[in-house]
Amino acid sequence: KKNQYIILNNFLQCMIKKGNKSTNEITFKKMLFYMAKNKKIFSKNSWVIIMKGFYNITPNINLKIIKIKRRIFYNLKFITSKKQSYLICSWLINGMKKNHHNFYKNLAQEFKEASLKKGEAYQKYLTFYKTIESNIHIYKKT
């Protein structure tokens, strides 16, 4: 429970660019009510969908490129929780479909697709790891 609270809090902090945290919390509450109200679309509990979506698109390692004169070195690093939350937030918001629904409806749909390992956010997660695999020979699966 405490770990879930930290993930959620970091996610809400990353959603803020210019604005109040309360407006993001209201949007998140609206998304939860929308998910709870529509049982046909969201068959599971809304918190299960959100946490599974977070789990499916959470990156654990990052590739850092170090250039020394003409040589390029690659360094694998573990990602901090703030960087993880920033990447998750950017993937979810950029992956949302631009249709006529409200922001919270689009976000709920993207969480559902991420929990099912589909959608734009999950595709960005896969391309993130494909670039790491292509640049690091140690990380390649044999």
C-alpha atoms as a PDB file:
ATOM      1  CA  LYS A   1       0.000   0.000   0.000  1.00  0.00           C
ATOM      2  CA  LYS A   2       2.765   2.460   0.882  1.00  0.00           C
ATOM      3  CA  ASN A   3       4.641   1.707  -2.348  1.00  0.00           C
ATOM      4  CA  GLN A   4       1.441   2.214  -4.360  1.00  0.00           C
ATOM      5  CA  TYR A   5       0.876   5.557  -2.635  1.00  0.00           C
ATOM      6  CA  ILE A   6       4.435   6.679  -3.493  1.00  0.00           C
ATOM      7  CA  ILE A   7       4.002   5.677  -7.154  1.00  0.00           C
ATOM      8  CA  LEU A   8       0.675   7.483  -7.372  1.00  0.00           C
ATOM      9  CA  ASN A   9       2.007  10.591  -5.644  1.00  0.00           C
ATOM     10  CA  ASN A  10       5.022  10.749  -7.984  1.00  0.00           C
ATOM     11  CA  PHE A  11       2.720  10.301 -10.972  1.00  0.00           C
ATOM     12  CA  LEU A  12       0.474  13.184  -9.875  1.00  0.00           C
ATOM     13  CA  GLN A  13       3.535  15.384  -9.280  1.00  0.00           C
ATOM     14  CA  CYS A  14       4.800  14.652 -12.810  1.00  0.00           C
ATOM     15  CA  MET A  15       1.449  15.602 -14.336  1.00  0.00           C
ATOM     16  CA  ILE A  16       1.890  19.139 -13.044  1.00  0.00           C
ATOM     17  CA  LYS A  17       3.648  21.498 -15.432  1.00  0.00           C
ATOM     18  CA  LYS A  18       1.884  24.765 -14.836  1.00  0.00           C
ATOM     19  CA  GLY A  19      -1.033  24.459 -12.506  1.00  0.00           C
ATOM     20  CA  ASN A  20      -2.315  23.285  -9.190  1.00  0.00           C
ATOM     21  CA  LYS A  21      -1.961  19.824  -7.754  1.00  0.00           C
ATOM     22  CA  SER A  22      -5.619  19.967  -6.736  1.00  0.00           C
ATOM     23  CA  THR A  23      -6.795  20.133 -10.369  1.00  0.00           C
ATOM     24  CA  ASN A  24      -4.796  16.997 -11.170  1.00  0.00           C
ATOM     25  CA  GLU A  25      -6.242  15.247  -8.132  1.00  0.00           C
ATOM     26  CA  ILE A  26      -9.756  16.207  -9.250  1.00  0.00           C
ATOM     27  CA  THR A  27      -9.046  14.844 -12.721  1.00  0.00           C
ATOM     28  CA  PHE A  28      -7.724  11.620 -11.209  1.00  0.00           C
ATOM     29  CA  LYS A  29     -10.832  11.315  -9.008  1.00  0.00           C
ATOM     30  CA  LYS A  30     -13.064  11.834 -12.043  1.00  0.00           C
ATOM     31  CA  MET A  31     -11.142   9.100 -13.835  1.00  0.00           C
ATOM     32  CA  LEU A  32     -11.656   6.716 -10.909  1.00  0.00           C
ATOM     33  CA  PHE A  33     -15.398   7.470 -10.793  1.00  0.00           C
ATOM     34  CA  TYR A  34     -15.647   7.009 -14.560  1.00  0.00           C
ATOM     35  CA  MET A  35     -13.897   3.634 -14.289  1.00  0.00           C
ATOM     36  CA  ALA A  36     -16.140   2.554 -11.410  1.00  0.00           C
ATOM     37  CA  LYS A  37     -19.314   3.672 -13.198  1.00  0.00           C
ATOM     38  CA  ASN A  38     -18.617   1.855 -16.488  1.00  0.00           C
ATOM     39  CA  LYS A  39     -18.446  -1.795 -15.485  1.00  0.00           C
ATOM     40  CA  LYS A  40     -18.953  -2.967 -19.086  1.00  0.00           C
ATOM     41  CA  ILE A  41     -15.740  -1.344 -20.290  1.00  0.00           C
ATOM     42  CA  PHE A  42     -13.693  -1.743 -17.110  1.00  0.00           C
ATOM     43  CA  SER A  43     -14.541  -5.187 -15.788  1.00  0.00           C
ATOM     44  CA  LYS A  44     -11.864  -5.243 -13.053  1.00  0.00           C
ATOM     45  CA  ASN A  45     -11.454  -2.970 -10.063  1.00  0.00           C
ATOM     46  CA  SER A  46     -10.139   0.445 -11.093  1.00  0.00           C
ATOM     47  CA  TRP A  47      -7.149   0.303  -8.714  1.00  0.00           C
ATOM     48  CA  VAL A  48      -6.140  -3.095 -10.112  1.00  0.00           C
ATOM     49  CA  ILE A  49      -6.189  -1.676 -13.640  1.00  0.00           C
ATOM     50  CA  ILE A  50      -4.146   1.379 -12.629  1.00  0.00           C
ATOM     51  CA  MET A  51      -1.491  -0.556 -10.689  1.00  0.00           C
ATOM     52  CA  LYS A  52      -1.203  -3.192 -13.413  1.00  0.00           C
ATOM     53  CA  GLY A  53      -0.843  -0.412 -15.979  1.00  0.00           C
ATOM     54  CA  PHE A  54       1.905   1.191 -13.889  1.00  0.00           C
ATOM     55  CA  TYR A  55       3.654  -2.157 -13.501  1.00  0.00           C
ATOM     56  CA  ASN A  56       3.529  -2.968 -17.218  1.00  0.00           C
ATOM     57  CA  ILE A  57       5.122   0.293 -18.373  1.00  0.00           C
ATOM     58  CA  THR A  58       7.613   0.995 -15.557  1.00  0.00           C
ATOM     59  CA  PRO A  59      11.195   1.138 -16.855  1.00  0.00           C
ATOM     60  CA  ASN A  60      13.918  -0.092 -14.523  1.00  0.00           C
ATOM     61  CA  ILE A  61      17.131   0.715 -16.357  1.00  0.00           C
ATOM     62  CA  ASN A  62      18.293   3.591 -18.509  1.00  0.00           C
ATOM     63  CA  LEU A  63      21.000   3.979 -21.109  1.00  0.00           C
ATOM     64  CA  LYS A  64      23.423   6.844 -20.611  1.00  0.00           C
ATOM     65  CA  ILE A  65      25.673   7.794 -23.524  1.00  0.00           C
ATOM     66  CA  ILE A  66      29.117   9.105 -22.640  1.00  0.00           C
ATOM     67  CA  LYS A  67      31.188  10.689 -25.424  1.00  0.00           C
ATOM     68  CA  ILE A  68      34.921  11.045 -24.984  1.00  0.00           C
ATOM     69  CA  LYS A  69      36.504  12.655 -28.028  1.00  0.00           C
ATOM     70  CA  ARG A  70      35.482  10.350 -30.878  1.00  0.00           C
ATOM     71  CA  ARG A  71      34.621   7.321 -28.805  1.00  0.00           C
ATOM     72  CA  ILE A  72      31.139   6.575 -27.503  1.00  0.00           C
ATOM     73  CA  PHE A  73      30.599   4.556 -24.342  1.00  0.00           C
ATOM     74  CA  TYR A  74      27.261   3.241 -23.113  1.00  0.00           C
ATOM     75  CA  ASN A  75      26.481   3.028 -19.439  1.00  0.00           C
ATOM     76  CA  LEU A  76      23.505   1.228 -17.895  1.00  0.00           C
ATOM     77  CA  LYS A  77      22.004   2.884 -14.853  1.00  0.00           C
ATOM     78  CA  PHE A  78      19.058   2.138 -12.629  1.00  0.00           C
ATOM     79  CA  ILE A  79      16.364   4.768 -12.874  1.00  0.00           C
ATOM     80  CA  THR A  80      15.231   6.735  -9.846  1.00  0.00           C
ATOM     81  CA  SER A  81      11.552   6.732  -8.943  1.00  0.00           C
ATOM     82  CA  LYS A  82      11.086  10.353 -10.091  1.00  0.00           C
ATOM     83  CA  LYS A  83      12.505   9.560 -13.532  1.00  0.00           C
ATOM     84  CA  GLN A  84      10.313   6.441 -13.710  1.00  0.00           C
ATOM     85  CA  SER A  85       7.237   8.483 -12.880  1.00  0.00           C
ATOM     86  CA  TYR A  86       8.180  11.145 -15.412  1.00  0.00           C
ATOM     87  CA  LEU A  87       8.573   8.548 -18.191  1.00  0.00           C
ATOM     88  CA  ILE A  88       5.312   6.794 -17.267  1.00  0.00           C
ATOM     89  CA  CYS A  89       3.436  10.112 -17.209  1.00  0.00           C
ATOM     90  CA  SER A  90       4.854  11.285 -20.514  1.00  0.00           C
ATOM     91  CA  TRP A  91       4.142   7.932 -22.200  1.00  0.00           C
ATOM     92  CA  LEU A  92       0.557   7.874 -20.923  1.00  0.00           C
ATOM     93  CA  ILE A  93      -0.242  11.476 -21.808  1.00  0.00           C
ATOM     94  CA  ASN A  94       1.422  11.330 -25.230  1.00  0.00           C
ATOM     95  CA  GLY A  95      -0.193   7.977 -25.945  1.00  0.00           C
ATOM     96  CA  MET A  96      -3.726   9.130 -25.238  1.00  0.00           C
ATOM     97  CA  LYS A  97      -6.008   9.157 -28.214  1.00  0.00           C
ATOM     98  CA  LYS A  98      -7.110  12.580 -29.288  1.00  0.00           C
ATOM     99  CA  ASN A  99     -10.833  11.991 -29.581  1.00  0.00           C
ATOM    100  CA  HIS A 100     -13.787  13.993 -28.306  1.00  0.00           C
ATOM    101  CA  HIS A 101     -13.769  12.550 -24.793  1.00  0.00           C
ATOM    102  CA  ASN A 102     -12.535  14.385 -21.758  1.00  0.00           C
ATOM    103  CA  PHE A 103      -8.977  14.093 -20.453  1.00  0.00           C
ATOM    104  CA  TYR A 104      -9.930  11.705 -17.652  1.00  0.00           C
ATOM    105  CA  LYS A 105     -11.796   9.375 -20.036  1.00  0.00           C
ATOM    106  CA  ASN A 106      -8.779   9.221 -22.344  1.00  0.00           C
ATOM    107  CA  LEU A 107      -6.474   8.598 -19.382  1.00  0.00           C
ATOM    108  CA  ALA A 108      -8.695   5.800 -18.094  1.00  0.00           C
ATOM    109  CA  GLN A 109      -8.694   4.173 -21.524  1.00  0.00           C
ATOM    110  CA  GLU A 110      -4.911   4.414 -21.736  1.00  0.00           C
ATOM    111  CA  PHE A 111      -4.532   2.821 -18.286  1.00  0.00           C
ATOM    112  CA  LYS A 112      -6.782  -0.022 -19.424  1.00  0.00           C
ATOM    113  CA  GLU A 113      -4.729  -0.569 -22.563  1.00  0.00           C
ATOM    114  CA  ALA A 114      -1.468  -0.426 -20.578  1.00  0.00           C
ATOM    115  CA  SER A 115      -2.767  -3.027 -18.128  1.00  0.00           C
ATOM    116  CA  LEU A 116      -3.572  -5.303 -21.085  1.00  0.00           C
ATOM    117  CA  LYS A 117      -0.116  -4.650 -22.630  1.00  0.00           C
ATOM    118  CA  LYS A 118      -1.558  -2.761 -25.575  1.00  0.00           C
ATOM    119  CA  GLY A 119      -1.765   0.856 -26.614  1.00  0.00           C
ATOM    120  CA  GLU A 120       0.641   3.660 -27.340  1.00  0.00           C
ATOM    121  CA  ALA A 121       2.207   3.837 -23.857  1.00  0.00           C
ATOM    122  CA  TYR A 122       3.145   0.161 -23.932  1.00  0.00           C
ATOM    123  CA  GLN A 123       4.551   0.544 -27.454  1.00  0.00           C
ATOM    124  CA  LYS A 124       6.762   3.410 -26.248  1.00  0.00           C
ATOM    125  CA  TYR A 125       7.902   1.204 -23.360  1.00  0.00           C
ATOM    126  CA  LEU A 126       8.853  -1.550 -25.835  1.00  0.00           C
ATOM    127  CA  THR A 127      10.743   0.838 -28.119  1.00  0.00           C
ATOM    128  CA  PHE A 128      12.592   2.176 -25.057  1.00  0.00           C
ATOM    129  CA  TYR A 129      13.879  -1.320 -24.260  1.00  0.00           C
ATOM    130  CA  LYS A 130      14.576  -2.125 -27.929  1.00  0.00           C
ATOM    131  CA  THR A 131      16.939   0.843 -28.132  1.00  0.00           C
ATOM    132  CA  ILE A 132      18.723  -0.372 -25.005  1.00  0.00           C
ATOM    133  CA  GLU A 133      19.010  -3.884 -26.460  1.00  0.00           C
ATOM    134  CA  SER A 134      20.352  -2.610 -29.769  1.00  0.00           C
ATOM    135  CA  ASN A 135      23.018  -0.402 -28.168  1.00  0.00           C
ATOM    136  CA  ILE A 136      24.272  -2.659 -25.401  1.00  0.00           C
ATOM    137  CA  HIS A 137      25.713  -6.030 -26.336  1.00  0.00           C
ATOM    138  CA  ILE A 138      25.666  -7.300 -22.726  1.00  0.00           C
ATOM    139  CA  TYR A 139      21.935  -6.749 -22.435  1.00  0.00           C
ATOM    140  CA  LYS A 140      21.121  -8.649 -25.654  1.00  0.00           C
ATOM    141  CA  LYS A 141      19.302 -11.933 -25.221  1.00  0.00           C
ATOM    142  CA  THR A 142      21.198 -14.915 -26.548  1.00  0.00           C
END
